[in-house]
Amino acid sequence: MEIIMKHTLFIILASIGLTGCGTVAQVWETGTEVVSNTVSTVVTGTSDLVTAIGTDVVNTGAFVVDTGAGVIDGVSDRVVEETDKLNGDKPEGK
């Protein structure tokens, strides 16, 4: 009877130990998965933000260049008109 009790006690303690190790492993796995998902989300969000800012900067720069070119073109046309008046030339199309 004593031998049966020893084996039973050993089986119970071994079962508790193995179950505890399995639980610790699952907790560790869950923790690493949470951390890796968090890092992935932060990196992806940061990448999207940097891309959006870069696109806005490029679009703003293109707008400024287009506006500046339009202003310079308008000023150039006006200068040509005024110099034609000073030279006594007739305006084109009139």
PDB file of N, CA and C in Angstrom:
ATOM      1  N   MET A   1       0.821  -1.185   0.000  1.00  0.00           N
ATOM      2  CA  MET A   1       0.000   0.000   0.000  1.00  0.00           C
ATOM      3  C   MET A   1       0.866   1.251   0.000  1.00  0.00           C
ATOM      4  N   GLU A   2       1.995   1.139   0.697  1.00  0.00           N
ATOM      5  CA  GLU A   2       2.891   2.281   0.782  1.00  0.00           C
ATOM      6  C   GLU A   2       3.487   2.605  -0.587  1.00  0.00           C
ATOM      7  N   ILE A   3       3.776   1.600  -1.368  1.00  0.00           N
ATOM      8  CA  ILE A   3       4.347   1.800  -2.707  1.00  0.00           C
ATOM      9  C   ILE A   3       3.318   2.455  -3.624  1.00  0.00           C
ATOM     10  N   ILE A   4       2.083   2.039  -3.522  1.00  0.00           N
ATOM     11  CA  ILE A   4       1.014   2.631  -4.334  1.00  0.00           C
ATOM     12  C   ILE A   4       0.850   4.101  -3.975  1.00  0.00           C
ATOM     13  N   MET A   5       0.917   4.458  -2.721  1.00  0.00           N
ATOM     14  CA  MET A   5       0.797   5.855  -2.283  1.00  0.00           C
ATOM     15  C   MET A   5       1.961   6.682  -2.823  1.00  0.00           C
ATOM     16  N   LYS A   6       3.173   6.107  -2.802  1.00  0.00           N
ATOM     17  CA  LYS A   6       4.335   6.834  -3.315  1.00  0.00           C
ATOM     18  C   LYS A   6       4.174   7.109  -4.808  1.00  0.00           C
ATOM     19  N   HIS A   7       3.736   6.111  -5.565  1.00  0.00           N
ATOM     20  CA  HIS A   7       3.553   6.279  -7.004  1.00  0.00           C
ATOM     21  C   HIS A   7       2.416   7.256  -7.307  1.00  0.00           C
ATOM     22  N   THR A   8       1.356   7.164  -6.536  1.00  0.00           N
ATOM     23  CA  THR A   8       0.231   8.077  -6.723  1.00  0.00           C
ATOM     24  C   THR A   8       0.661   9.512  -6.428  1.00  0.00           C
ATOM     25  N   LEU A   9       1.387   9.697  -5.339  1.00  0.00           N
ATOM     26  CA  LEU A   9       1.876  11.021  -4.984  1.00  0.00           C
ATOM     27  C   LEU A   9       2.817  11.547  -6.068  1.00  0.00           C
ATOM     28  N   PHE A  10       3.684  10.674  -6.580  1.00  0.00           N
ATOM     29  CA  PHE A  10       4.606  11.070  -7.642  1.00  0.00           C
ATOM     30  C   PHE A  10       3.844  11.479  -8.910  1.00  0.00           C
ATOM     31  N   ILE A  11       2.837  10.729  -9.286  1.00  0.00           N
ATOM     32  CA  ILE A  11       2.044  11.036 -10.483  1.00  0.00           C
ATOM     33  C   ILE A  11       1.299  12.359 -10.311  1.00  0.00           C
ATOM     34  N   ILE A  12       0.743  12.585  -9.138  1.00  0.00           N
ATOM     35  CA  ILE A  12       0.026  13.842  -8.879  1.00  0.00           C
ATOM     36  C   ILE A  12       0.979  15.033  -8.946  1.00  0.00           C
ATOM     37  N   LEU A  13       2.131  14.909  -8.281  1.00  0.00           N
ATOM     38  CA  LEU A  13       3.102  16.014  -8.293  1.00  0.00           C
ATOM     39  C   LEU A  13       3.654  16.246  -9.706  1.00  0.00           C
ATOM     40  N   ALA A  14       3.912  15.188 -10.451  1.00  0.00           N
ATOM     41  CA  ALA A  14       4.402  15.318 -11.827  1.00  0.00           C
ATOM     42  C   ALA A  14       3.357  15.991 -12.707  1.00  0.00           C
ATOM     43  N   SER A  15       2.090  15.624 -12.512  1.00  0.00           N
ATOM     44  CA  SER A  15       1.012  16.247 -13.298  1.00  0.00           C
ATOM     45  C   SER A  15       0.910  17.741 -13.007  1.00  0.00           C
ATOM     46  N   ILE A  16       0.989  18.092 -11.735  1.00  0.00           N
ATOM     47  CA  ILE A  16       0.941  19.511 -11.358  1.00  0.00           C
ATOM     48  C   ILE A  16       2.141  20.256 -11.939  1.00  0.00           C
ATOM     49  N   GLY A  17       3.319  19.656 -11.865  1.00  0.00           N
ATOM     50  CA  GLY A  17       4.525  20.293 -12.400  1.00  0.00           C
ATOM     51  C   GLY A  17       4.459  20.502 -13.894  1.00  0.00           C
ATOM     52  N   LEU A  18       4.008  19.469 -14.630  1.00  0.00           N
ATOM     53  CA  LEU A  18       3.903  19.593 -16.083  1.00  0.00           C
ATOM     54  C   LEU A  18       2.845  20.612 -16.484  1.00  0.00           C
ATOM     55  N   THR A  19       1.740  20.618 -15.773  1.00  0.00           N
ATOM     56  CA  THR A  19       0.694  21.595 -16.054  1.00  0.00           C
ATOM     57  C   THR A  19       1.192  23.004 -15.789  1.00  0.00           C
ATOM     58  N   GLY A  20       1.927  23.181 -14.706  1.00  0.00           N
ATOM     59  CA  GLY A  20       2.487  24.495 -14.389  1.00  0.00           C
ATOM     60  C   GLY A  20       3.463  24.961 -15.449  1.00  0.00           C
ATOM     61  N   CYS A  21       4.316  24.064 -15.938  1.00  0.00           N
ATOM     62  CA  CYS A  21       5.267  24.415 -16.996  1.00  0.00           C
ATOM     63  C   CYS A  21       4.547  24.790 -18.277  1.00  0.00           C
ATOM     64  N   GLY A  22       3.476  24.056 -18.582  1.00  0.00           N
ATOM     65  CA  GLY A  22       2.690  24.374 -19.779  1.00  0.00           C
ATOM     66  C   GLY A  22       2.046  25.743 -19.671  1.00  0.00           C
ATOM     67  N   THR A  23       1.572  26.090 -18.477  1.00  0.00           N
ATOM     68  CA  THR A  23       0.963  27.387 -18.258  1.00  0.00           C
ATOM     69  C   THR A  23       1.996  28.503 -18.405  1.00  0.00           C
ATOM     70  N   VAL A  24       3.163  28.304 -17.826  1.00  0.00           N
ATOM     71  CA  VAL A  24       4.234  29.306 -17.931  1.00  0.00           C
ATOM     72  C   VAL A  24       4.626  29.493 -19.393  1.00  0.00           C
ATOM     73  N   ALA A  25       4.738  28.400 -20.130  1.00  0.00           N
ATOM     74  CA  ALA A  25       5.091  28.490 -21.552  1.00  0.00           C
ATOM     75  C   ALA A  25       4.023  29.250 -22.330  1.00  0.00           C
ATOM     76  N   GLN A  26       2.765  29.008 -22.018  1.00  0.00           N
ATOM     77  CA  GLN A  26       1.683  29.706 -22.715  1.00  0.00           C
ATOM     78  C   GLN A  26       1.682  31.197 -22.375  1.00  0.00           C
ATOM     79  N   VAL A  27       1.923  31.514 -21.117  1.00  0.00           N
ATOM     80  CA  VAL A  27       2.010  32.927 -20.715  1.00  0.00           C
ATOM     81  C   VAL A  27       3.158  33.598 -21.454  1.00  0.00           C
ATOM     82  N   TRP A  28       4.302  32.925 -21.539  1.00  0.00           N
ATOM     83  CA  TRP A  28       5.462  33.483 -22.247  1.00  0.00           C
ATOM     84  C   TRP A  28       5.142  33.693 -23.732  1.00  0.00           C
ATOM     85  N   GLU A  29       4.508  32.714 -24.339  1.00  0.00           N
ATOM     86  CA  GLU A  29       4.152  32.806 -25.757  1.00  0.00           C
ATOM     87  C   GLU A  29       3.184  33.965 -26.006  1.00  0.00           C
ATOM     88  N   THR A  30       2.193  34.088 -25.133  1.00  0.00           N
ATOM     89  CA  THR A  30       1.231  35.182 -25.257  1.00  0.00           C
ATOM     90  C   THR A  30       1.921  36.530 -25.096  1.00  0.00           C
ATOM     91  N   GLY A  31       2.815  36.633 -24.137  1.00  0.00           N
ATOM     92  CA  GLY A  31       3.542  37.896 -23.922  1.00  0.00           C
ATOM     93  C   GLY A  31       4.381  38.279 -25.121  1.00  0.00           C
ATOM     94  N   THR A  32       5.100  37.319 -25.696  1.00  0.00           N
ATOM     95  CA  THR A  32       5.926  37.643 -26.866  1.00  0.00           C
ATOM     96  C   THR A  32       5.055  38.006 -28.063  1.00  0.00           C
ATOM     97  N   GLU A  33       3.902  37.380 -28.191  1.00  0.00           N
ATOM     98  CA  GLU A  33       2.996  37.705 -29.295  1.00  0.00           C
ATOM     99  C   GLU A  33       2.427  39.116 -29.132  1.00  0.00           C
ATOM    100  N   VAL A  34       2.053  39.482 -27.923  1.00  0.00           N
ATOM    101  CA  VAL A  34       1.532  40.832 -27.663  1.00  0.00           C
ATOM    102  C   VAL A  34       2.602  41.881 -27.966  1.00  0.00           C
ATOM    103  N   VAL A  35       3.821  41.628 -27.507  1.00  0.00           N
ATOM    104  CA  VAL A  35       4.902  42.589 -27.738  1.00  0.00           C
ATOM    105  C   VAL A  35       5.202  42.712 -29.225  1.00  0.00           C
ATOM    106  N   SER A  36       5.279  41.591 -29.938  1.00  0.00           N
ATOM    107  CA  SER A  36       5.594  41.652 -31.361  1.00  0.00           C
ATOM    108  C   SER A  36       4.483  42.333 -32.145  1.00  0.00           C
ATOM    109  N   ASN A  37       3.231  42.091 -31.778  1.00  0.00           N
ATOM    110  CA  ASN A  37       2.116  42.776 -32.449  1.00  0.00           C
ATOM    111  C   ASN A  37       2.138  44.269 -32.169  1.00  0.00           C
ATOM    112  N   THR A  38       2.467  44.642 -30.940  1.00  0.00           N
ATOM    113  CA  THR A  38       2.546  46.062 -30.592  1.00  0.00           C
ATOM    114  C   THR A  38       3.640  46.749 -31.378  1.00  0.00           C
ATOM    115  N   VAL A  39       4.805  46.129 -31.441  1.00  0.00           N
ATOM    116  CA  VAL A  39       5.920  46.718 -32.194  1.00  0.00           C
ATOM    117  C   VAL A  39       5.555  46.823 -33.671  1.00  0.00           C
ATOM    118  N   SER A  40       4.953  45.802 -34.215  1.00  0.00           N
ATOM    119  CA  SER A  40       4.550  45.817 -35.622  1.00  0.00           C
ATOM    120  C   SER A  40       3.548  46.928 -35.894  1.00  0.00           C
ATOM    121  N   THR A  41       2.579  47.093 -35.007  1.00  0.00           N
ATOM    122  CA  THR A  41       1.580  48.135 -35.174  1.00  0.00           C
ATOM    123  C   THR A  41       2.208  49.524 -35.100  1.00  0.00           C
ATOM    124  N   VAL A  42       3.102  49.728 -34.159  1.00  0.00           N
ATOM    125  CA  VAL A  42       3.757  51.029 -34.020  1.00  0.00           C
ATOM    126  C   VAL A  42       4.609  51.344 -35.244  1.00  0.00           C
ATOM    127  N   VAL A  43       5.356  50.361 -35.718  1.00  0.00           N
ATOM    128  CA  VAL A  43       6.214  50.589 -36.891  1.00  0.00           C
ATOM    129  C   VAL A  43       5.364  50.867 -38.127  1.00  0.00           C
ATOM    130  N   THR A  44       4.296  50.118 -38.313  1.00  0.00           N
ATOM    131  CA  THR A  44       3.421  50.339 -39.463  1.00  0.00           C
ATOM    132  C   THR A  44       2.756  51.706 -39.377  1.00  0.00           C
ATOM    133  N   GLY A  45       2.272  52.077 -38.207  1.00  0.00           N
ATOM    134  CA  GLY A  45       1.652  53.393 -38.035  1.00  0.00           C
ATOM    135  C   GLY A  45       2.634  54.518 -38.286  1.00  0.00           C
ATOM    136  N   THR A  46       3.850  54.376 -37.801  1.00  0.00           N
ATOM    137  CA  THR A  46       4.872  55.398 -38.012  1.00  0.00           C
ATOM    138  C   THR A  46       5.207  55.507 -39.488  1.00  0.00           C
ATOM    139  N   SER A  47       5.307  54.384 -40.168  1.00  0.00           N
ATOM    140  CA  SER A  47       5.586  54.392 -41.603  1.00  0.00           C
ATOM    141  C   SER A  47       4.476  55.104 -42.374  1.00  0.00           C
ATOM    142  N   ASP A  48       3.234  54.818 -42.031  1.00  0.00           N
ATOM    143  CA  ASP A  48       2.106  55.481 -42.689  1.00  0.00           C
ATOM    144  C   ASP A  48       2.119  56.980 -42.434  1.00  0.00           C
ATOM    145  N   LEU A  49       2.447  57.375 -41.216  1.00  0.00           N
ATOM    146  CA  LEU A  49       2.492  58.793 -40.875  1.00  0.00           C
ATOM    147  C   LEU A  49       3.591  59.514 -41.638  1.00  0.00           C
ATOM    148  N   VAL A  50       4.771  58.911 -41.703  1.00  0.00           N
ATOM    149  CA  VAL A  50       5.884  59.528 -42.431  1.00  0.00           C
ATOM    150  C   VAL A  50       5.552  59.636 -43.916  1.00  0.00           C
ATOM    151  N   THR A  51       4.908  58.615 -44.472  1.00  0.00           N
ATOM    152  CA  THR A  51       4.508  58.651 -45.880  1.00  0.00           C
ATOM    153  C   THR A  51       3.508  59.773 -46.129  1.00  0.00           C
ATOM    154  N   ALA A  52       2.537  59.922 -45.241  1.00  0.00           N
ATOM    155  CA  ALA A  52       1.537  60.985 -45.404  1.00  0.00           C
ATOM    156  C   ALA A  52       2.174  62.362 -45.311  1.00  0.00           C
ATOM    157  N   ILE A  53       3.084  62.537 -44.363  1.00  0.00           N
ATOM    158  CA  ILE A  53       3.757  63.831 -44.222  1.00  0.00           C
ATOM    159  C   ILE A  53       4.597  64.119 -45.462  1.00  0.00           C
ATOM    160  N   GLY A  54       5.319  63.116 -45.947  1.00  0.00           N
ATOM    161  CA  GLY A  54       6.124  63.301 -47.159  1.00  0.00           C
ATOM    162  C   GLY A  54       5.269  63.671 -48.357  1.00  0.00           C
ATOM    163  N   THR A  55       4.124  63.008 -48.504  1.00  0.00           N
ATOM    164  CA  THR A  55       3.218  63.323 -49.609  1.00  0.00           C
ATOM    165  C   THR A  55       2.694  64.745 -49.490  1.00  0.00           C
ATOM    166  N   ASP A  56       2.332  65.173 -48.291  1.00  0.00           N
ATOM    167  CA  ASP A  56       1.855  66.537 -48.093  1.00  0.00           C
ATOM    168  C   ASP A  56       2.933  67.557 -48.419  1.00  0.00           C
ATOM    169  N   VAL A  57       4.162  67.278 -48.004  1.00  0.00           N
ATOM    170  CA  VAL A  57       5.256  68.212 -48.281  1.00  0.00           C
ATOM    171  C   VAL A  57       5.492  68.314 -49.785  1.00  0.00           C
ATOM    172  N   VAL A  58       5.479  67.183 -50.473  1.00  0.00           N
ATOM    173  CA  VAL A  58       5.684  67.190 -51.927  1.00  0.00           C
ATOM    174  C   VAL A  58       4.550  67.930 -52.615  1.00  0.00           C
ATOM    175  N   ASN A  59       3.303  67.668 -52.212  1.00  0.00           N
ATOM    176  CA  ASN A  59       2.167  68.356 -52.828  1.00  0.00           C
ATOM    177  C   ASN A  59       2.215  69.853 -52.568  1.00  0.00           C
ATOM    178  N   THR A  60       2.588  70.240 -51.358  1.00  0.00           N
ATOM    179  CA  THR A  60       2.696  71.664 -51.034  1.00  0.00           C
ATOM    180  C   THR A  60       3.804  72.307 -51.855  1.00  0.00           C
ATOM    181  N   GLY A  61       4.943  71.631 -51.986  1.00  0.00           N
ATOM    182  CA  GLY A  61       6.040  72.157 -52.788  1.00  0.00           C
ATOM    183  C   GLY A  61       5.643  72.311 -54.240  1.00  0.00           C
ATOM    184  N   ALA A  62       4.924  71.334 -54.783  1.00  0.00           N
ATOM    185  CA  ALA A  62       4.466  71.416 -56.169  1.00  0.00           C
ATOM    186  C   ALA A  62       3.496  72.572 -56.347  1.00  0.00           C
ATOM    187  N   PHE A  63       2.614  72.785 -55.383  1.00  0.00           N
ATOM    188  CA  PHE A  63       1.671  73.896 -55.449  1.00  0.00           C
ATOM    189  C   PHE A  63       2.407  75.236 -55.448  1.00  0.00           C
ATOM    190  N   VAL A  64       3.404  75.354 -54.581  1.00  0.00           N
ATOM    191  CA  VAL A  64       4.164  76.608 -54.499  1.00  0.00           C
ATOM    192  C   VAL A  64       4.905  76.860 -55.806  1.00  0.00           C
ATOM    193  N   VAL A  65       5.512  75.826 -56.373  1.00  0.00           N
ATOM    194  CA  VAL A  65       6.245  75.985 -57.636  1.00  0.00           C
ATOM    195  C   VAL A  65       5.291  76.355 -58.759  1.00  0.00           C
ATOM    196  N   ASP A  66       4.141  75.676 -58.839  1.00  0.00           N
ATOM    197  CA  ASP A  66       3.162  75.998 -59.887  1.00  0.00           C
ATOM    198  C   ASP A  66       2.639  77.427 -59.744  1.00  0.00           C
ATOM    199  N   THR A  67       2.346  77.821 -58.510  1.00  0.00           N
ATOM    200  CA  THR A  67       1.863  79.184 -58.275  1.00  0.00           C
ATOM    201  C   THR A  67       2.934  80.204 -58.631  1.00  0.00           C
ATOM    202  N   GLY A  68       4.160  79.932 -58.206  1.00  0.00           N
ATOM    203  CA  GLY A  68       5.264  80.851 -58.537  1.00  0.00           C
ATOM    204  C   GLY A  68       5.478  80.941 -60.029  1.00  0.00           C
ATOM    205  N   ALA A  69       5.397  79.830 -60.732  1.00  0.00           N
ATOM    206  CA  ALA A  69       5.567  79.839 -62.190  1.00  0.00           C
ATOM    207  C   ALA A  69       4.442  80.618 -62.848  1.00  0.00           C
ATOM    208  N   GLY A  70       3.231  80.470 -62.345  1.00  0.00           N
ATOM    209  CA  GLY A  70       2.098  81.226 -62.894  1.00  0.00           C
ATOM    210  C   GLY A  70       2.265  82.719 -62.683  1.00  0.00           C
ATOM    211  N   VAL A  71       2.726  83.103 -61.504  1.00  0.00           N
ATOM    212  CA  VAL A  71       2.944  84.523 -61.210  1.00  0.00           C
ATOM    213  C   VAL A  71       4.037  85.081 -62.121  1.00  0.00           C
ATOM    214  N   ILE A  72       5.121  84.344 -62.275  1.00  0.00           N
ATOM    215  CA  ILE A  72       6.224  84.802 -63.121  1.00  0.00           C
ATOM    216  C   ILE A  72       5.777  84.892 -64.571  1.00  0.00           C
ATOM    217  N   ASP A  73       4.976  83.943 -65.021  1.00  0.00           N
ATOM    218  CA  ASP A  73       4.457  83.983 -66.388  1.00  0.00           C
ATOM    219  C   ASP A  73       3.574  85.206 -66.589  1.00  0.00           C
ATOM    220  N   GLY A  74       2.714  85.509 -65.622  1.00  0.00           N
ATOM    221  CA  GLY A  74       1.855  86.695 -65.701  1.00  0.00           C
ATOM    222  C   GLY A  74       2.656  87.985 -65.708  1.00  0.00           C
ATOM    223  N   VAL A  75       3.671  88.047 -64.871  1.00  0.00           N
ATOM    224  CA  VAL A  75       4.523  89.238 -64.817  1.00  0.00           C
ATOM    225  C   VAL A  75       5.279  89.375 -66.133  1.00  0.00           C
ATOM    226  N   SER A  76       5.754  88.286 -66.678  1.00  0.00           N
ATOM    227  CA  SER A  76       6.475  88.314 -67.950  1.00  0.00           C
ATOM    228  C   SER A  76       5.585  88.837 -69.069  1.00  0.00           C
ATOM    229  N   ASP A  77       4.339  88.382 -69.125  1.00  0.00           N
ATOM    230  CA  ASP A  77       3.410  88.880 -70.153  1.00  0.00           C
ATOM    231  C   ASP A  77       3.163  90.370 -69.999  1.00  0.00           C
ATOM    232  N   ARG A  78       3.021  90.792 -68.759  1.00  0.00           N
ATOM    233  CA  ARG A  78       2.760  92.222 -68.501  1.00  0.00           C
ATOM    234  C   ARG A  78       3.980  93.070 -68.891  1.00  0.00           C
ATOM    235  N   VAL A  79       5.180  92.588 -68.609  1.00  0.00           N
ATOM    236  CA  VAL A  79       6.396  93.316 -68.973  1.00  0.00           C
ATOM    237  C   VAL A  79       6.503  93.425 -70.493  1.00  0.00           C
ATOM    238  N   VAL A  80       6.178  92.362 -71.207  1.00  0.00           N
ATOM    239  CA  VAL A  80       6.212  92.393 -72.671  1.00  0.00           C
ATOM    240  C   VAL A  80       5.225  93.414 -73.205  1.00  0.00           C
ATOM    241  N   GLU A  81       4.017  93.461 -72.643  1.00  0.00           N
ATOM    242  CA  GLU A  81       3.016  94.444 -73.065  1.00  0.00           C
ATOM    243  C   GLU A  81       3.512  95.875 -72.847  1.00  0.00           C
ATOM    244  N   GLU A  82       4.082  96.101 -71.671  1.00  0.00           N
ATOM    245  CA  GLU A  82       4.542  97.456 -71.357  1.00  0.00           C
ATOM    246  C   GLU A  82       5.740  97.862 -72.220  1.00  0.00           C
ATOM    247  N   THR A  83       6.645  96.953 -72.471  1.00  0.00           N
ATOM    248  CA  THR A  83       7.789  97.296 -73.332  1.00  0.00           C
ATOM    249  C   THR A  83       7.338  97.517 -74.760  1.00  0.00           C
ATOM    250  N   ASP A  84       6.316  96.787 -75.199  1.00  0.00           N
ATOM    251  CA  ASP A  84       5.777  97.024 -76.543  1.00  0.00           C
ATOM    252  C   ASP A  84       5.161  98.417 -76.633  1.00  0.00           C
ATOM    253  N   LYS A  85       4.479  98.861 -75.579  1.00  0.00           N
ATOM    254  CA  LYS A  85       3.908 100.203 -75.554  1.00  0.00           C
ATOM    255  C   LYS A  85       5.013 101.249 -75.631  1.00  0.00           C
ATOM    256  N   LEU A  86       6.078 101.025 -74.876  1.00  0.00           N
ATOM    257  CA  LEU A  86       7.182 101.972 -74.881  1.00  0.00           C
ATOM    258  C   LEU A  86       7.884 102.026 -76.247  1.00  0.00           C
ATOM    259  N   ASN A  87       7.937 100.905 -76.929  1.00  0.00           N
ATOM    260  CA  ASN A  87       8.582 100.868 -78.243  1.00  0.00           C
ATOM    261  C   ASN A  87       7.643 101.326 -79.349  1.00  0.00           C
ATOM    262  N   GLY A  88       6.381 101.512 -79.038  1.00  0.00           N
ATOM    263  CA  GLY A  88       5.417 101.973 -80.021  1.00  0.00           C
ATOM    264  C   GLY A  88       4.829 100.859 -80.861  1.00  0.00           C
ATOM    265  N   ASP A  89       5.044  99.617 -80.457  1.00  0.00           N
ATOM    266  CA  ASP A  89       4.467  98.483 -81.176  1.00  0.00           C
ATOM    267  C   ASP A  89       3.016  98.342 -80.804  1.00  0.00           C
ATOM    268  N   LYS A  90       2.229  97.812 -81.739  1.00  0.00           N
ATOM    269  CA  LYS A  90       0.819  97.542 -81.458  1.00  0.00           C
ATOM    270  C   LYS A  90       0.713  96.214 -80.714  1.00  0.00           C
ATOM    271  N   PRO A  91      -0.196  96.136 -79.719  1.00  0.00           N
ATOM    272  CA  PRO A  91      -0.389  94.854 -79.002  1.00  0.00           C
ATOM    273  C   PRO A  91      -0.840  93.773 -79.963  1.00  0.00           C
ATOM    274  N   GLU A  92      -0.394  92.562 -79.719  1.00  0.00           N
ATOM    275  CA  GLU A  92      -0.777  91.445 -80.562  1.00  0.00           C
ATOM    276  C   GLU A  92      -2.244  91.098 -80.362  1.00  0.00           C
ATOM    277  N   GLY A  93      -2.938  90.797 -81.435  1.00  0.00           N
ATOM    278  CA  GLY A  93      -4.329  90.380 -81.355  1.00  0.00           C
ATOM    279  C   GLY A  93      -5.295  91.538 -81.241  1.00  0.00           C
ATOM    280  N   LYS A  94      -4.870  92.778 -81.338  1.00  0.00           N
ATOM    281  CA  LYS A  94      -5.800  93.909 -81.236  1.00  0.00           C
ATOM    282  C   LYS A  94      -5.697  94.795 -82.440  1.00  0.00           C
TER     283      LYS A  94
END
